[in-house]
């Protein structure tokens, strides 16, 4: 996010945080739904995005335009936060859409945090991503940009009914829309990482030949926490093809201690 966009976004976050300080987790989740509805409106109306970022209009005029469009349709807290957002400056109309989506995600996460459910949300998002990766038909269906969005959302709701936190379902729907212009599975990965960041944790993606025991996970998490200076959430993927050892990715850092890597290195050495 460019500096000018960050400044406008930060002002909207500050406004929403202050105004929603005393609301319940459920009320905050409803506000998040409203912000998501605004993001979907902006996505489908490029002319509106341009009007709300038109530099020839003052910030007050842009905020007034937005208020006139949604008057009586959204809560005061939501209207005031988005009005604050559009009164700022953005480098392009699409950046306003990205900022509105991010504001919605941050609000969902704040609701989950207020409800004490963020750890569950983080794990559920990751597990759903693994389910999708392991089912090609489901992956194609949810990633298909031509499929009706409401049909995909209904499929997710049916799959996760009574099995996931409401915040998890909200965030998966954000991923269906292509969070920040990403594909569905990339969006899910980004949302897992944002959820972890909200909990002040780093994500470590661990690939193992078989599931790790609780003690092994605890030792590995403690070691990585010492290295990175913050708590680490392990996301373990099982891949028997690596034969043994572990591959660990934290951000751009990759530690590959798998037997498969050693065998490949040996083959390359003998081939020279």
C-alpha atoms as a PDB file:
ATOM      1  CA  UNK A   1       0.000   0.000   0.000  1.00  0.00           C
ATOM      2  CA  UNK A   2       1.446   3.364  -1.063  1.00  0.00           C
ATOM      3  CA  UNK A   3       2.110   5.977   1.619  1.00  0.00           C
ATOM      4  CA  UNK A   4      -0.835   8.161   0.586  1.00  0.00           C
ATOM      5  CA  UNK A   5      -3.157   5.145   0.700  1.00  0.00           C
ATOM      6  CA  UNK A   6      -1.800   4.007   4.091  1.00  0.00           C
ATOM      7  CA  UNK A   7      -2.473   7.434   5.573  1.00  0.00           C
ATOM      8  CA  UNK A   8      -6.098   7.442   4.401  1.00  0.00           C
ATOM      9  CA  UNK A   9      -6.582   3.857   5.525  1.00  0.00           C
ATOM     10  CA  UNK A  10      -5.106   4.506   8.968  1.00  0.00           C
ATOM     11  CA  UNK A  11      -7.508   7.402   9.517  1.00  0.00           C
ATOM     12  CA  UNK A  12     -10.486   5.152   8.697  1.00  0.00           C
ATOM     13  CA  UNK A  13      -9.214   2.410  11.016  1.00  0.00           C
ATOM     14  CA  UNK A  14      -8.765   4.926  13.817  1.00  0.00           C
ATOM     15  CA  UNK A  15     -12.313   6.225  13.284  1.00  0.00           C
ATOM     16  CA  UNK A  16     -13.878   2.759  13.201  1.00  0.00           C
ATOM     17  CA  UNK A  17     -11.874   1.563  16.222  1.00  0.00           C
ATOM     18  CA  UNK A  18     -12.889   4.565  18.328  1.00  0.00           C
ATOM     19  CA  UNK A  19     -16.561   4.411  17.353  1.00  0.00           C
ATOM     20  CA  UNK A  20     -16.877   0.657  17.890  1.00  0.00           C
ATOM     21  CA  UNK A  21     -14.978   0.460  21.183  1.00  0.00           C
ATOM     22  CA  UNK A  22     -18.075  -0.310  23.228  1.00  0.00           C
ATOM     23  CA  UNK A  23     -20.003  -2.583  20.833  1.00  0.00           C
ATOM     24  CA  UNK A  24     -20.231  -6.352  21.269  1.00  0.00           C
ATOM     25  CA  UNK A  25     -18.399  -8.902  19.145  1.00  0.00           C
ATOM     26  CA  UNK A  26     -21.666  -9.744  17.368  1.00  0.00           C
ATOM     27  CA  UNK A  27     -22.350  -6.086  16.602  1.00  0.00           C
ATOM     28  CA  UNK A  28     -18.805  -5.667  15.301  1.00  0.00           C
ATOM     29  CA  UNK A  29     -19.291  -8.701  13.046  1.00  0.00           C
ATOM     30  CA  UNK A  30     -22.415  -7.032  11.622  1.00  0.00           C
ATOM     31  CA  UNK A  31     -20.389  -3.884  10.940  1.00  0.00           C
ATOM     32  CA  UNK A  32     -17.815  -6.054   9.156  1.00  0.00           C
ATOM     33  CA  UNK A  33     -20.601  -7.492   6.972  1.00  0.00           C
ATOM     34  CA  UNK A  34     -21.665  -3.963   6.074  1.00  0.00           C
ATOM     35  CA  UNK A  35     -18.135  -2.933   5.128  1.00  0.00           C
ATOM     36  CA  UNK A  36     -17.890  -6.088   2.992  1.00  0.00           C
ATOM     37  CA  UNK A  37     -21.142  -5.107   1.275  1.00  0.00           C
ATOM     38  CA  UNK A  38     -19.624  -1.709   0.442  1.00  0.00           C
ATOM     39  CA  UNK A  39     -16.515  -3.448  -0.962  1.00  0.00           C
ATOM     40  CA  UNK A  40     -18.715  -5.618  -3.198  1.00  0.00           C
ATOM     41  CA  UNK A  41     -20.583  -2.518  -4.366  1.00  0.00           C
ATOM     42  CA  UNK A  42     -17.301  -0.828  -5.254  1.00  0.00           C
ATOM     43  CA  UNK A  43     -16.067  -3.941  -7.056  1.00  0.00           C
ATOM     44  CA  UNK A  44     -19.130  -4.018  -9.280  1.00  0.00           C
ATOM     45  CA  UNK A  45     -19.282  -0.264  -9.902  1.00  0.00           C
ATOM     46  CA  UNK A  46     -16.031   1.079 -11.396  1.00  0.00           C
ATOM     47  CA  UNK A  47     -17.677   4.447 -12.123  1.00  0.00           C
ATOM     48  CA  UNK A  48     -18.495   4.812  -8.431  1.00  0.00           C
ATOM     49  CA  UNK A  49     -14.885   3.963  -7.506  1.00  0.00           C
ATOM     50  CA  UNK A  50     -13.680   6.691  -9.838  1.00  0.00           C
ATOM     51  CA  UNK A  51     -16.154   9.205  -8.438  1.00  0.00           C
ATOM     52  CA  UNK A  52     -15.117   8.440  -4.852  1.00  0.00           C
ATOM     53  CA  UNK A  53     -11.418   8.926  -5.673  1.00  0.00           C
ATOM     54  CA  UNK A  54     -11.830  11.874  -8.053  1.00  0.00           C
ATOM     55  CA  UNK A  55      -9.031  14.326  -7.109  1.00  0.00           C
ATOM     56  CA  UNK A  56     -11.036  17.238  -8.561  1.00  0.00           C
ATOM     57  CA  UNK A  57     -13.542  16.769  -5.720  1.00  0.00           C
ATOM     58  CA  UNK A  58     -12.695  17.688  -2.163  1.00  0.00           C
ATOM     59  CA  UNK A  59     -12.576  14.997   0.510  1.00  0.00           C
ATOM     60  CA  UNK A  60     -15.738  16.469   2.019  1.00  0.00           C
ATOM     61  CA  UNK A  61     -17.532  16.228  -1.343  1.00  0.00           C
ATOM     62  CA  UNK A  62     -16.504  12.596  -1.826  1.00  0.00           C
ATOM     63  CA  UNK A  63     -17.640  11.709   1.703  1.00  0.00           C
ATOM     64  CA  UNK A  64     -20.935  13.518   1.074  1.00  0.00           C
ATOM     65  CA  UNK A  65     -21.474  11.563  -2.135  1.00  0.00           C
ATOM     66  CA  UNK A  66     -20.962   8.284  -0.313  1.00  0.00           C
ATOM     67  CA  UNK A  67     -23.297   9.310   2.509  1.00  0.00           C
ATOM     68  CA  UNK A  68     -26.022  10.236   0.018  1.00  0.00           C
ATOM     69  CA  UNK A  69     -25.812   6.792  -1.592  1.00  0.00           C
ATOM     70  CA  UNK A  70     -26.102   4.740   1.605  1.00  0.00           C
ATOM     71  CA  UNK A  71     -28.178   6.978   3.849  1.00  0.00           C
ATOM     72  CA  UNK A  72     -30.478   4.812   5.994  1.00  0.00           C
ATOM     73  CA  UNK A  73     -29.030   1.558   4.609  1.00  0.00           C
ATOM     74  CA  UNK A  74     -26.033   1.043   6.892  1.00  0.00           C
ATOM     75  CA  UNK A  75     -25.194   1.645  10.540  1.00  0.00           C
ATOM     76  CA  UNK A  76     -23.842   5.054  11.526  1.00  0.00           C
ATOM     77  CA  UNK A  77     -20.504   3.496  12.539  1.00  0.00           C
ATOM     78  CA  UNK A  78     -20.037   1.906   9.112  1.00  0.00           C
ATOM     79  CA  UNK A  79     -21.086   5.030   7.216  1.00  0.00           C
ATOM     80  CA  UNK A  80     -18.770   7.257   9.240  1.00  0.00           C
ATOM     81  CA  UNK A  81     -15.790   4.899   8.784  1.00  0.00           C
ATOM     82  CA  UNK A  82     -16.201   4.584   5.003  1.00  0.00           C
ATOM     83  CA  UNK A  83     -16.888   8.315   4.677  1.00  0.00           C
ATOM     84  CA  UNK A  84     -13.580   8.881   6.469  1.00  0.00           C
ATOM     85  CA  UNK A  85     -11.922   6.459   4.046  1.00  0.00           C
ATOM     86  CA  UNK A  86     -13.226   8.071   0.843  1.00  0.00           C
ATOM     87  CA  UNK A  87     -12.436  11.563   2.126  1.00  0.00           C
ATOM     88  CA  UNK A  88      -8.769  10.589   2.021  1.00  0.00           C
ATOM     89  CA  UNK A  89      -6.510  10.381  -1.011  1.00  0.00           C
ATOM     90  CA  UNK A  90      -5.867   7.225  -3.030  1.00  0.00           C
ATOM     91  CA  UNK A  91      -3.416   6.700  -5.857  1.00  0.00           C
ATOM     92  CA  UNK A  92      -6.041   4.870  -7.955  1.00  0.00           C
ATOM     93  CA  UNK A  93      -9.725   3.831  -7.776  1.00  0.00           C
ATOM     94  CA  UNK A  94      -8.672   0.206  -7.304  1.00  0.00           C
ATOM     95  CA  UNK A  95      -6.654   1.162  -4.230  1.00  0.00           C
ATOM     96  CA  UNK A  96      -9.876   2.385  -2.616  1.00  0.00           C
ATOM     97  CA  UNK A  97     -11.417  -1.051  -3.225  1.00  0.00           C
ATOM     98  CA  UNK A  98      -8.382  -2.786  -1.714  1.00  0.00           C
ATOM     99  CA  UNK A  99      -8.511  -0.492   1.330  1.00  0.00           C
ATOM    100  CA  UNK A 100     -12.239  -1.134   1.833  1.00  0.00           C
ATOM    101  CA  UNK A 101     -11.688  -4.904   1.659  1.00  0.00           C
ATOM    102  CA  UNK A 102      -8.811  -4.666   4.108  1.00  0.00           C
ATOM    103  CA  UNK A 103     -10.920  -2.565   6.472  1.00  0.00           C
ATOM    104  CA  UNK A 104     -13.610  -5.265   6.352  1.00  0.00           C
ATOM    105  CA  UNK A 105     -11.082  -8.020   7.070  1.00  0.00           C
ATOM    106  CA  UNK A 106      -9.571  -6.080   9.967  1.00  0.00           C
ATOM    107  CA  UNK A 107     -13.063  -5.598  11.389  1.00  0.00           C
ATOM    108  CA  UNK A 108     -13.853  -9.312  11.094  1.00  0.00           C
ATOM    109  CA  UNK A 109     -10.609 -10.097  12.899  1.00  0.00           C
ATOM    110  CA  UNK A 110     -11.339  -7.534  15.598  1.00  0.00           C
ATOM    111  CA  UNK A 111     -14.744  -9.152  16.148  1.00  0.00           C
ATOM    112  CA  UNK A 112     -13.110 -12.578  16.408  1.00  0.00           C
ATOM    113  CA  UNK A 113     -10.512 -11.211  18.798  1.00  0.00           C
ATOM    114  CA  UNK A 114     -13.199  -9.595  20.968  1.00  0.00           C
ATOM    115  CA  UNK A 115     -15.002 -12.940  21.034  1.00  0.00           C
ATOM    116  CA  UNK A 116     -11.804 -14.846  21.930  1.00  0.00           C
ATOM    117  CA  UNK A 117     -12.032 -17.031  18.817  1.00  0.00           C
ATOM    118  CA  UNK A 118      -9.109 -15.893  16.659  1.00  0.00           C
ATOM    119  CA  UNK A 119      -7.016 -19.034  17.235  1.00  0.00           C
ATOM    120  CA  UNK A 120      -9.941 -21.155  16.037  1.00  0.00           C
ATOM    121  CA  UNK A 121     -10.433 -18.909  13.006  1.00  0.00           C
ATOM    122  CA  UNK A 122      -6.762 -19.201  12.061  1.00  0.00           C
ATOM    123  CA  UNK A 123      -6.810 -23.003  12.221  1.00  0.00           C
ATOM    124  CA  UNK A 124     -10.163 -23.294  10.418  1.00  0.00           C
ATOM    125  CA  UNK A 125      -9.011 -21.100   7.532  1.00  0.00           C
ATOM    126  CA  UNK A 126      -5.854 -23.178   7.147  1.00  0.00           C
ATOM    127  CA  UNK A 127      -7.708 -26.496   7.310  1.00  0.00           C
ATOM    128  CA  UNK A 128     -10.288 -25.337   4.778  1.00  0.00           C
ATOM    129  CA  UNK A 129      -7.465 -24.370   2.442  1.00  0.00           C
ATOM    130  CA  UNK A 130      -6.051 -27.881   2.781  1.00  0.00           C
ATOM    131  CA  UNK A 131      -9.455 -29.413   2.048  1.00  0.00           C
ATOM    132  CA  UNK A 132      -9.741 -27.306  -1.105  1.00  0.00           C
ATOM    133  CA  UNK A 133      -6.185 -28.160  -2.211  1.00  0.00           C
ATOM    134  CA  UNK A 134      -6.955 -31.859  -1.824  1.00  0.00           C
ATOM    135  CA  UNK A 135     -10.184 -31.762  -3.811  1.00  0.00           C
ATOM    136  CA  UNK A 136      -9.652 -30.657  -7.416  1.00  0.00           C
ATOM    137  CA  UNK A 137     -13.375 -30.404  -8.185  1.00  0.00           C
ATOM    138  CA  UNK A 138     -13.992 -28.166  -5.177  1.00  0.00           C
ATOM    139  CA  UNK A 139     -10.905 -26.076  -5.996  1.00  0.00           C
ATOM    140  CA  UNK A 140     -12.095 -25.476  -9.554  1.00  0.00           C
ATOM    141  CA  UNK A 141     -15.605 -24.598  -8.409  1.00  0.00           C
ATOM    142  CA  UNK A 142     -14.519 -22.072  -5.772  1.00  0.00           C
ATOM    143  CA  UNK A 143     -11.799 -20.550  -7.969  1.00  0.00           C
ATOM    144  CA  UNK A 144     -14.006 -20.133 -11.059  1.00  0.00           C
ATOM    145  CA  UNK A 145     -14.420 -16.362 -11.642  1.00  0.00           C
ATOM    146  CA  UNK A 146     -17.376 -16.980 -13.952  1.00  0.00           C
ATOM    147  CA  UNK A 147     -19.392 -18.887 -11.310  1.00  0.00           C
ATOM    148  CA  UNK A 148     -22.045 -16.803  -9.513  1.00  0.00           C
ATOM    149  CA  UNK A 149     -20.607 -15.423  -6.270  1.00  0.00           C
ATOM    150  CA  UNK A 150     -23.783 -16.137  -4.296  1.00  0.00           C
ATOM    151  CA  UNK A 151     -23.734 -19.782  -5.394  1.00  0.00           C
ATOM    152  CA  UNK A 152     -20.130 -20.221  -4.254  1.00  0.00           C
ATOM    153  CA  UNK A 153     -20.908 -18.486  -0.963  1.00  0.00           C
ATOM    154  CA  UNK A 154     -23.884 -20.813  -0.419  1.00  0.00           C
ATOM    155  CA  UNK A 155     -21.655 -23.838  -1.089  1.00  0.00           C
ATOM    156  CA  UNK A 156     -19.188 -22.628   1.560  1.00  0.00           C
ATOM    157  CA  UNK A 157     -21.993 -22.039   4.047  1.00  0.00           C
ATOM    158  CA  UNK A 158     -23.362 -25.548   3.464  1.00  0.00           C
ATOM    159  CA  UNK A 159     -19.907 -27.140   3.800  1.00  0.00           C
ATOM    160  CA  UNK A 160     -19.105 -25.335   7.037  1.00  0.00           C
ATOM    161  CA  UNK A 161     -22.523 -25.220   8.675  1.00  0.00           C
ATOM    162  CA  UNK A 162     -22.046 -25.732  12.427  1.00  0.00           C
ATOM    163  CA  UNK A 163     -18.387 -26.643  11.774  1.00  0.00           C
ATOM    164  CA  UNK A 164     -16.646 -23.259  11.789  1.00  0.00           C
ATOM    165  CA  UNK A 165     -16.699 -19.884  13.474  1.00  0.00           C
ATOM    166  CA  UNK A 166     -18.853 -17.201  11.781  1.00  0.00           C
ATOM    167  CA  UNK A 167     -15.681 -15.127  11.287  1.00  0.00           C
ATOM    168  CA  UNK A 168     -14.120 -18.026   9.382  1.00  0.00           C
ATOM    169  CA  UNK A 169     -17.052 -18.161   6.991  1.00  0.00           C
ATOM    170  CA  UNK A 170     -16.950 -14.374   6.547  1.00  0.00           C
ATOM    171  CA  UNK A 171     -13.260 -14.478   5.641  1.00  0.00           C
ATOM    172  CA  UNK A 172     -13.664 -17.384   3.226  1.00  0.00           C
ATOM    173  CA  UNK A 173     -16.295 -15.332   1.409  1.00  0.00           C
ATOM    174  CA  UNK A 174     -13.727 -12.524   1.171  1.00  0.00           C
ATOM    175  CA  UNK A 175     -11.328 -15.027  -0.398  1.00  0.00           C
ATOM    176  CA  UNK A 176     -14.021 -16.042  -2.899  1.00  0.00           C
ATOM    177  CA  UNK A 177     -14.128 -12.426  -4.075  1.00  0.00           C
ATOM    178  CA  UNK A 178     -10.346 -12.462  -4.586  1.00  0.00           C
ATOM    179  CA  UNK A 179      -8.876 -10.542  -1.637  1.00  0.00           C
ATOM    180  CA  UNK A 180      -6.506  -7.866  -2.910  1.00  0.00           C
ATOM    181  CA  UNK A 181      -6.794  -9.194  -6.462  1.00  0.00           C
ATOM    182  CA  UNK A 182      -5.423 -12.621  -5.524  1.00  0.00           C
ATOM    183  CA  UNK A 183      -6.755 -16.027  -6.546  1.00  0.00           C
ATOM    184  CA  UNK A 184      -8.935 -17.932  -4.087  1.00  0.00           C
ATOM    185  CA  UNK A 185      -6.265 -20.151  -2.522  1.00  0.00           C
ATOM    186  CA  UNK A 186      -3.723 -17.315  -2.369  1.00  0.00           C
ATOM    187  CA  UNK A 187      -6.375 -15.177  -0.685  1.00  0.00           C
ATOM    188  CA  UNK A 188      -6.942 -17.864   1.939  1.00  0.00           C
ATOM    189  CA  UNK A 189      -3.208 -18.042   2.652  1.00  0.00           C
ATOM    190  CA  UNK A 190      -3.010 -14.272   3.064  1.00  0.00           C
ATOM    191  CA  UNK A 191      -6.013 -14.298   5.402  1.00  0.00           C
ATOM    192  CA  UNK A 192      -4.427 -17.023   7.553  1.00  0.00           C
ATOM    193  CA  UNK A 193      -1.329 -14.853   7.876  1.00  0.00           C
ATOM    194  CA  UNK A 194      -3.336 -11.722   8.714  1.00  0.00           C
ATOM    195  CA  UNK A 195      -5.210 -13.667  11.393  1.00  0.00           C
ATOM    196  CA  UNK A 196      -1.924 -14.813  12.895  1.00  0.00           C
ATOM    197  CA  UNK A 197      -0.572 -11.257  12.759  1.00  0.00           C
ATOM    198  CA  UNK A 198      -3.637 -10.025  14.643  1.00  0.00           C
ATOM    199  CA  UNK A 199      -2.624 -12.492  17.376  1.00  0.00           C
ATOM    200  CA  UNK A 200       0.971 -11.166  17.141  1.00  0.00           C
ATOM    201  CA  UNK A 201       2.189 -14.476  15.759  1.00  0.00           C
ATOM    202  CA  UNK A 202       4.320 -15.602  12.849  1.00  0.00           C
ATOM    203  CA  UNK A 203       3.175 -18.453  10.587  1.00  0.00           C
ATOM    204  CA  UNK A 204       5.542 -21.377   9.961  1.00  0.00           C
ATOM    205  CA  UNK A 205       4.524 -23.743   7.155  1.00  0.00           C
ATOM    206  CA  UNK A 206       5.971 -27.139   7.990  1.00  0.00           C
ATOM    207  CA  UNK A 207       6.078 -30.045   5.529  1.00  0.00           C
ATOM    208  CA  UNK A 208       6.624 -33.462   7.106  1.00  0.00           C
ATOM    209  CA  UNK A 209       6.435 -37.041   5.863  1.00  0.00           C
ATOM    210  CA  UNK A 210       3.918 -37.807   8.615  1.00  0.00           C
ATOM    211  CA  UNK A 211       2.012 -35.927  11.301  1.00  0.00           C
ATOM    212  CA  UNK A 212       4.161 -34.566  14.116  1.00  0.00           C
ATOM    213  CA  UNK A 213       3.462 -35.504  17.713  1.00  0.00           C
ATOM    214  CA  UNK A 214       2.419 -32.822  20.191  1.00  0.00           C
ATOM    215  CA  UNK A 215       5.850 -32.807  21.830  1.00  0.00           C
ATOM    216  CA  UNK A 216       7.594 -32.444  18.450  1.00  0.00           C
ATOM    217  CA  UNK A 217       5.343 -29.535  17.500  1.00  0.00           C
ATOM    218  CA  UNK A 218       5.966 -27.816  20.820  1.00  0.00           C
ATOM    219  CA  UNK A 219       9.754 -28.165  20.498  1.00  0.00           C
ATOM    220  CA  UNK A 220       9.759 -26.881  16.935  1.00  0.00           C
ATOM    221  CA  UNK A 221       7.456 -23.959  17.770  1.00  0.00           C
ATOM    222  CA  UNK A 222       9.637 -22.999  20.740  1.00  0.00           C
ATOM    223  CA  UNK A 223      12.812 -23.114  18.631  1.00  0.00           C
ATOM    224  CA  UNK A 224      11.286 -20.983  15.883  1.00  0.00           C
ATOM    225  CA  UNK A 225       9.898 -18.528  18.450  1.00  0.00           C
ATOM    226  CA  UNK A 226      13.429 -18.081  19.815  1.00  0.00           C
ATOM    227  CA  UNK A 227      14.742 -17.437  16.298  1.00  0.00           C
ATOM    228  CA  UNK A 228      12.055 -14.922  15.271  1.00  0.00           C
ATOM    229  CA  UNK A 229      11.478 -13.270  18.628  1.00  0.00           C
ATOM    230  CA  UNK A 230       7.708 -13.803  18.646  1.00  0.00           C
ATOM    231  CA  UNK A 231       5.234 -16.652  19.033  1.00  0.00           C
ATOM    232  CA  UNK A 232       4.965 -18.950  16.016  1.00  0.00           C
ATOM    233  CA  UNK A 233       1.910 -20.840  14.766  1.00  0.00           C
ATOM    234  CA  UNK A 234       2.773 -24.099  13.015  1.00  0.00           C
ATOM    235  CA  UNK A 235       0.772 -25.121   9.958  1.00  0.00           C
ATOM    236  CA  UNK A 236       1.743 -28.706   9.202  1.00  0.00           C
ATOM    237  CA  UNK A 237       1.319 -30.275   5.769  1.00  0.00           C
ATOM    238  CA  UNK A 238       1.906 -34.001   5.341  1.00  0.00           C
ATOM    239  CA  UNK A 239       3.755 -35.121   2.197  1.00  0.00           C
ATOM    240  CA  UNK A 240       5.086 -38.720   2.291  1.00  0.00           C
ATOM    241  CA  UNK A 241       7.149 -38.070  -0.857  1.00  0.00           C
ATOM    242  CA  UNK A 242       9.760 -36.128   1.146  1.00  0.00           C
ATOM    243  CA  UNK A 243      10.568 -39.481   2.865  1.00  0.00           C
ATOM    244  CA  UNK A 244      11.720 -37.905   6.136  1.00  0.00           C
ATOM    245  CA  UNK A 245      13.013 -34.753   7.760  1.00  0.00           C
ATOM    246  CA  UNK A 246      11.239 -31.404   7.655  1.00  0.00           C
ATOM    247  CA  UNK A 247      10.825 -28.414   5.394  1.00  0.00           C
ATOM    248  CA  UNK A 248       9.975 -25.171   7.219  1.00  0.00           C
ATOM    249  CA  UNK A 249       9.006 -21.894   5.575  1.00  0.00           C
ATOM    250  CA  UNK A 250       8.610 -18.678   7.587  1.00  0.00           C
ATOM    251  CA  UNK A 251       7.951 -15.689   5.367  1.00  0.00           C
ATOM    252  CA  UNK A 252      10.700 -15.704   2.731  1.00  0.00           C
ATOM    253  CA  UNK A 253      12.950 -17.972   4.827  1.00  0.00           C
ATOM    254  CA  UNK A 254      13.085 -21.641   3.847  1.00  0.00           C
ATOM    255  CA  UNK A 255      14.784 -24.370   5.875  1.00  0.00           C
ATOM    256  CA  UNK A 256      14.800 -27.611   3.886  1.00  0.00           C
ATOM    257  CA  UNK A 257      16.098 -30.566   5.877  1.00  0.00           C
ATOM    258  CA  UNK A 258      14.146 -33.240   4.018  1.00  0.00           C
ATOM    259  CA  UNK A 259      15.655 -36.543   2.981  1.00  0.00           C
ATOM    260  CA  UNK A 260      14.295 -35.910  -0.527  1.00  0.00           C
ATOM    261  CA  UNK A 261      16.387 -32.743  -0.833  1.00  0.00           C
ATOM    262  CA  UNK A 262      19.497 -34.606   0.326  1.00  0.00           C
ATOM    263  CA  UNK A 263      18.879 -37.406  -2.196  1.00  0.00           C
ATOM    264  CA  UNK A 264      18.401 -34.895  -5.002  1.00  0.00           C
ATOM    265  CA  UNK A 265      21.596 -33.099  -3.993  1.00  0.00           C
ATOM    266  CA  UNK A 266      23.461 -36.419  -3.987  1.00  0.00           C
ATOM    267  CA  UNK A 267      22.123 -37.296  -7.447  1.00  0.00           C
ATOM    268  CA  UNK A 268      23.248 -33.940  -8.798  1.00  0.00           C
ATOM    269  CA  UNK A 269      26.705 -34.409  -7.268  1.00  0.00           C
ATOM    270  CA  UNK A 270      27.125 -37.847  -8.868  1.00  0.00           C
ATOM    271  CA  UNK A 271      25.880 -36.530 -12.225  1.00  0.00           C
ATOM    272  CA  UNK A 272      28.712 -33.988 -12.462  1.00  0.00           C
END
